[in-house]
Amino acid sequence: MITMQREVSSDVAPDVAFGFLADFTTTQQWDPGTITTVRVSGDGGVGTHYENTSRFAGRVSTIDYVVTALRPGRSIDLRGENASVIVCDTITVTARQSGCVITYRVRFAFQGWLKWIEPLLRPAVTRLLDDGVRGLRKELRRLGNQEC
């Protein structure tokens, strides 16, 4: 299993940041690897299903996600799965004196023959996460400019 975590500091109010990130369809706006994310069912709470189509390591794949835990204003956990990988994402928003800190934690458990080359996939996962963090910073700056 590959586990990675990144933090992003932002001047955006915690409730605004959480509201934005808890709607997983917004990955289209900040995750450069995402092609589309569609809410298939649910209201955004626990049990909500999303279909995410992304580019990863030169391939396009679709992962079905479900919200497994939601702590309003604080964190959301999602579990995604397809034939090749199980992905667990945890997004946590923590208030600070001015704005918030977003912690994005991912766990990739590759399936089938891919689990044998998991160490070779680590750089691609690192790039995916780093690109996502850059996109998230950019989108949070845009959101911060809209707050005024």
C-alpha atoms as a PDB file:
ATOM      1  CA  MET A   1       0.000   0.000   0.000  1.00  0.00           C
ATOM      2  CA  ILE A   2       1.205   3.491  -0.814  1.00  0.00           C
ATOM      3  CA  THR A   3       0.242   6.124   1.765  1.00  0.00           C
ATOM      4  CA  MET A   4       0.994   9.821   1.282  1.00  0.00           C
ATOM      5  CA  GLN A   5      -0.134  13.067   2.838  1.00  0.00           C
ATOM      6  CA  ARG A   6       0.168  16.742   1.949  1.00  0.00           C
ATOM      7  CA  GLU A   7      -0.919  19.953   3.686  1.00  0.00           C
ATOM      8  CA  VAL A   8      -2.099  23.177   2.106  1.00  0.00           C
ATOM      9  CA  SER A   9      -2.424  26.419   4.073  1.00  0.00           C
ATOM     10  CA  SER A  10      -5.032  28.889   2.908  1.00  0.00           C
ATOM     11  CA  ASP A  11      -6.534  32.216   3.919  1.00  0.00           C
ATOM     12  CA  VAL A  12      -9.962  30.871   2.936  1.00  0.00           C
ATOM     13  CA  ALA A  13     -12.428  30.492   5.810  1.00  0.00           C
ATOM     14  CA  PRO A  14     -12.583  26.861   7.008  1.00  0.00           C
ATOM     15  CA  ASP A  15     -16.313  26.508   6.299  1.00  0.00           C
ATOM     16  CA  VAL A  16     -15.848  27.754   2.729  1.00  0.00           C
ATOM     17  CA  ALA A  17     -12.903  25.407   2.120  1.00  0.00           C
ATOM     18  CA  PHE A  18     -14.755  22.441   3.596  1.00  0.00           C
ATOM     19  CA  GLY A  19     -17.930  23.146   1.645  1.00  0.00           C
ATOM     20  CA  PHE A  20     -15.913  23.268  -1.551  1.00  0.00           C
ATOM     21  CA  LEU A  21     -13.902  20.090  -0.894  1.00  0.00           C
ATOM     22  CA  ALA A  22     -16.761  18.024   0.556  1.00  0.00           C
ATOM     23  CA  ASP A  23     -18.395  18.233  -2.880  1.00  0.00           C
ATOM     24  CA  PHE A  24     -16.135  15.684  -4.571  1.00  0.00           C
ATOM     25  CA  THR A  25     -17.261  16.856  -8.031  1.00  0.00           C
ATOM     26  CA  THR A  26     -15.000  19.887  -7.514  1.00  0.00           C
ATOM     27  CA  THR A  27     -11.986  17.652  -8.209  1.00  0.00           C
ATOM     28  CA  GLN A  28     -12.562  18.689 -11.837  1.00  0.00           C
ATOM     29  CA  GLN A  29     -11.576  22.214 -10.823  1.00  0.00           C
ATOM     30  CA  TRP A  30      -8.423  21.504  -8.846  1.00  0.00           C
ATOM     31  CA  ASP A  31      -7.078  18.027  -9.676  1.00  0.00           C
ATOM     32  CA  PRO A  32      -5.302  18.157 -13.053  1.00  0.00           C
ATOM     33  CA  GLY A  33      -5.530  14.357 -13.365  1.00  0.00           C
ATOM     34  CA  THR A  34      -9.326  14.394 -13.137  1.00  0.00           C
ATOM     35  CA  ILE A  35     -11.213  14.383 -16.410  1.00  0.00           C
ATOM     36  CA  THR A  36     -14.697  14.194 -14.863  1.00  0.00           C
ATOM     37  CA  THR A  37     -16.287  13.508 -11.504  1.00  0.00           C
ATOM     38  CA  VAL A  38     -20.027  12.899 -11.437  1.00  0.00           C
ATOM     39  CA  ARG A  39     -22.253  12.375  -8.414  1.00  0.00           C
ATOM     40  CA  VAL A  40     -24.108   9.173  -9.225  1.00  0.00           C
ATOM     41  CA  SER A  41     -26.334   9.073  -6.143  1.00  0.00           C
ATOM     42  CA  GLY A  42     -26.747  10.624  -2.719  1.00  0.00           C
ATOM     43  CA  ASP A  43     -26.771  14.111  -1.260  1.00  0.00           C
ATOM     44  CA  GLY A  44     -23.043  14.448  -0.536  1.00  0.00           C
ATOM     45  CA  GLY A  45     -23.274  12.703   2.837  1.00  0.00           C
ATOM     46  CA  VAL A  46     -22.252   9.206   3.900  1.00  0.00           C
ATOM     47  CA  GLY A  47     -23.181   6.698   1.215  1.00  0.00           C
ATOM     48  CA  THR A  48     -22.984   9.176  -1.661  1.00  0.00           C
ATOM     49  CA  HIS A  49     -21.498   7.605  -4.804  1.00  0.00           C
ATOM     50  CA  TYR A  50     -19.242   9.405  -7.285  1.00  0.00           C
ATOM     51  CA  GLU A  51     -17.756   8.248 -10.568  1.00  0.00           C
ATOM     52  CA  ASN A  52     -14.296   9.715 -11.183  1.00  0.00           C
ATOM     53  CA  THR A  53     -12.513   9.397 -14.523  1.00  0.00           C
ATOM     54  CA  SER A  54      -8.840  10.346 -14.350  1.00  0.00           C
ATOM     55  CA  ARG A  55      -5.497  10.067 -16.064  1.00  0.00           C
ATOM     56  CA  PHE A  56      -2.894   8.169 -14.053  1.00  0.00           C
ATOM     57  CA  ALA A  57       0.494   6.958 -15.267  1.00  0.00           C
ATOM     58  CA  GLY A  58      -0.486   7.577 -18.891  1.00  0.00           C
ATOM     59  CA  ARG A  59      -3.785   5.697 -18.716  1.00  0.00           C
ATOM     60  CA  VAL A  60      -7.400   6.755 -18.333  1.00  0.00           C
ATOM     61  CA  SER A  61      -9.420   4.879 -15.729  1.00  0.00           C
ATOM     62  CA  THR A  62     -12.694   5.220 -13.883  1.00  0.00           C
ATOM     63  CA  ILE A  63     -12.935   4.739 -10.129  1.00  0.00           C
ATOM     64  CA  ASP A  64     -16.219   4.433  -8.247  1.00  0.00           C
ATOM     65  CA  TYR A  65     -16.043   6.348  -4.949  1.00  0.00           C
ATOM     66  CA  VAL A  66     -18.331   6.279  -1.930  1.00  0.00           C
ATOM     67  CA  VAL A  67     -18.323   8.675   1.024  1.00  0.00           C
ATOM     68  CA  THR A  68     -17.557   6.491   4.053  1.00  0.00           C
ATOM     69  CA  ALA A  69     -17.417   9.174   6.764  1.00  0.00           C
ATOM     70  CA  LEU A  70     -18.355  12.828   7.009  1.00  0.00           C
ATOM     71  CA  ARG A  71     -17.672  15.113   9.939  1.00  0.00           C
ATOM     72  CA  PRO A  72     -19.349  18.358   8.817  1.00  0.00           C
ATOM     73  CA  GLY A  73     -16.949  21.266   8.690  1.00  0.00           C
ATOM     74  CA  ARG A  74     -13.999  19.008   9.579  1.00  0.00           C
ATOM     75  CA  SER A  75     -13.340  16.014   7.341  1.00  0.00           C
ATOM     76  CA  ILE A  76     -14.583  13.654   4.666  1.00  0.00           C
ATOM     77  CA  ASP A  77     -13.422  10.099   3.922  1.00  0.00           C
ATOM     78  CA  LEU A  78     -13.944   8.470   0.541  1.00  0.00           C
ATOM     79  CA  ARG A  79     -13.181   4.974  -0.698  1.00  0.00           C
ATOM     80  CA  GLY A  80     -12.701   4.377  -4.408  1.00  0.00           C
ATOM     81  CA  GLU A  81     -12.369   1.118  -6.248  1.00  0.00           C
ATOM     82  CA  ASN A  82     -11.947  -0.438  -9.656  1.00  0.00           C
ATOM     83  CA  ALA A  83     -10.343  -3.687 -10.838  1.00  0.00           C
ATOM     84  CA  SER A  84      -6.810  -2.254 -10.495  1.00  0.00           C
ATOM     85  CA  VAL A  85      -6.813  -0.235  -7.282  1.00  0.00           C
ATOM     86  CA  ILE A  86      -8.538   0.601  -4.024  1.00  0.00           C
ATOM     87  CA  VAL A  87      -8.062   4.252  -3.046  1.00  0.00           C
ATOM     88  CA  CYS A  88      -8.891   5.823   0.310  1.00  0.00           C
ATOM     89  CA  ASP A  89      -8.896   9.625   0.518  1.00  0.00           C
ATOM     90  CA  THR A  90      -9.225  11.648   3.710  1.00  0.00           C
ATOM     91  CA  ILE A  91      -9.595  15.409   3.444  1.00  0.00           C
ATOM     92  CA  THR A  92      -9.398  17.313   6.729  1.00  0.00           C
ATOM     93  CA  VAL A  93      -9.901  21.050   7.215  1.00  0.00           C
ATOM     94  CA  THR A  94      -8.458  22.582  10.378  1.00  0.00           C
ATOM     95  CA  ALA A  95      -9.142  26.185  11.365  1.00  0.00           C
ATOM     96  CA  ARG A  96      -6.214  28.428  12.113  1.00  0.00           C
ATOM     97  CA  GLN A  97      -6.040  32.031  13.251  1.00  0.00           C
ATOM     98  CA  SER A  98      -6.426  33.272   9.690  1.00  0.00           C
ATOM     99  CA  GLY A  99      -7.939  30.740   7.324  1.00  0.00           C
ATOM    100  CA  CYS A 100      -7.305  27.015   7.475  1.00  0.00           C
ATOM    101  CA  VAL A 101      -5.010  24.098   6.806  1.00  0.00           C
ATOM    102  CA  ILE A 102      -6.203  21.321   4.517  1.00  0.00           C
ATOM    103  CA  THR A 103      -4.659  17.899   5.011  1.00  0.00           C
ATOM    104  CA  TYR A 104      -5.073  15.515   2.095  1.00  0.00           C
ATOM    105  CA  ARG A 105      -4.180  11.888   2.842  1.00  0.00           C
ATOM    106  CA  VAL A 106      -4.312   9.155   0.187  1.00  0.00           C
ATOM    107  CA  ARG A 107      -3.829   5.412   0.385  1.00  0.00           C
ATOM    108  CA  PHE A 108      -3.440   3.377  -2.798  1.00  0.00           C
ATOM    109  CA  ALA A 109      -3.708  -0.427  -2.643  1.00  0.00           C
ATOM    110  CA  PHE A 110      -3.021  -1.747  -6.121  1.00  0.00           C
ATOM    111  CA  GLN A 111      -4.735  -4.998  -7.101  1.00  0.00           C
ATOM    112  CA  GLY A 112      -3.795  -7.981  -9.247  1.00  0.00           C
ATOM    113  CA  TRP A 113      -0.422  -7.914 -10.938  1.00  0.00           C
ATOM    114  CA  LEU A 114      -0.056  -4.172 -10.181  1.00  0.00           C
ATOM    115  CA  LYS A 115       0.522  -4.913  -6.496  1.00  0.00           C
ATOM    116  CA  TRP A 116       3.810  -6.582  -7.485  1.00  0.00           C
ATOM    117  CA  ILE A 117       5.081  -3.394  -9.139  1.00  0.00           C
ATOM    118  CA  GLU A 118       3.689  -1.032  -6.496  1.00  0.00           C
ATOM    119  CA  PRO A 119       7.165   0.364  -5.641  1.00  0.00           C
ATOM    120  CA  LEU A 120       7.532   1.392  -9.293  1.00  0.00           C
ATOM    121  CA  LEU A 121       4.187   3.217  -9.136  1.00  0.00           C
ATOM    122  CA  ARG A 122       5.189   5.333  -6.119  1.00  0.00           C
ATOM    123  CA  PRO A 123       6.666   8.169  -8.282  1.00  0.00           C
ATOM    124  CA  ALA A 124       3.427   8.360 -10.303  1.00  0.00           C
ATOM    125  CA  VAL A 125       1.366   8.558  -7.085  1.00  0.00           C
ATOM    126  CA  THR A 126       3.716  11.257  -5.753  1.00  0.00           C
ATOM    127  CA  ARG A 127       3.317  13.263  -8.979  1.00  0.00           C
ATOM    128  CA  LEU A 128      -0.472  12.815  -8.878  1.00  0.00           C
ATOM    129  CA  LEU A 129      -0.657  14.101  -5.306  1.00  0.00           C
ATOM    130  CA  ASP A 130       1.784  16.973  -5.874  1.00  0.00           C
ATOM    131  CA  ASP A 131      -0.085  18.104  -9.007  1.00  0.00           C
ATOM    132  CA  GLY A 132      -3.350  17.950  -7.068  1.00  0.00           C
ATOM    133  CA  VAL A 133      -1.915  20.070  -4.254  1.00  0.00           C
ATOM    134  CA  ARG A 134      -0.721  22.701  -6.750  1.00  0.00           C
ATOM    135  CA  GLY A 135      -4.178  22.782  -8.320  1.00  0.00           C
ATOM    136  CA  LEU A 136      -5.828  22.972  -4.902  1.00  0.00           C
ATOM    137  CA  ARG A 137      -3.656  25.938  -3.871  1.00  0.00           C
ATOM    138  CA  LYS A 138      -4.599  27.754  -7.071  1.00  0.00           C
ATOM    139  CA  GLU A 139      -8.316  27.055  -6.634  1.00  0.00           C
ATOM    140  CA  LEU A 140      -8.265  28.108  -2.964  1.00  0.00           C
ATOM    141  CA  ARG A 141      -6.661  31.423  -3.960  1.00  0.00           C
ATOM    142  CA  ARG A 142      -9.501  31.914  -6.442  1.00  0.00           C
ATOM    143  CA  LEU A 143     -12.076  31.074  -3.753  1.00  0.00           C
ATOM    144  CA  GLY A 144     -10.386  33.495  -1.355  1.00  0.00           C
ATOM    145  CA  ASN A 145     -10.717  36.280  -3.894  1.00  0.00           C
ATOM    146  CA  GLN A 146     -14.454  35.566  -4.209  1.00  0.00           C
ATOM    147  CA  GLU A 147     -15.044  35.744  -0.443  1.00  0.00           C
ATOM    148  CA  CYS A 148     -14.545  39.494  -0.244  1.00  0.00           C
END
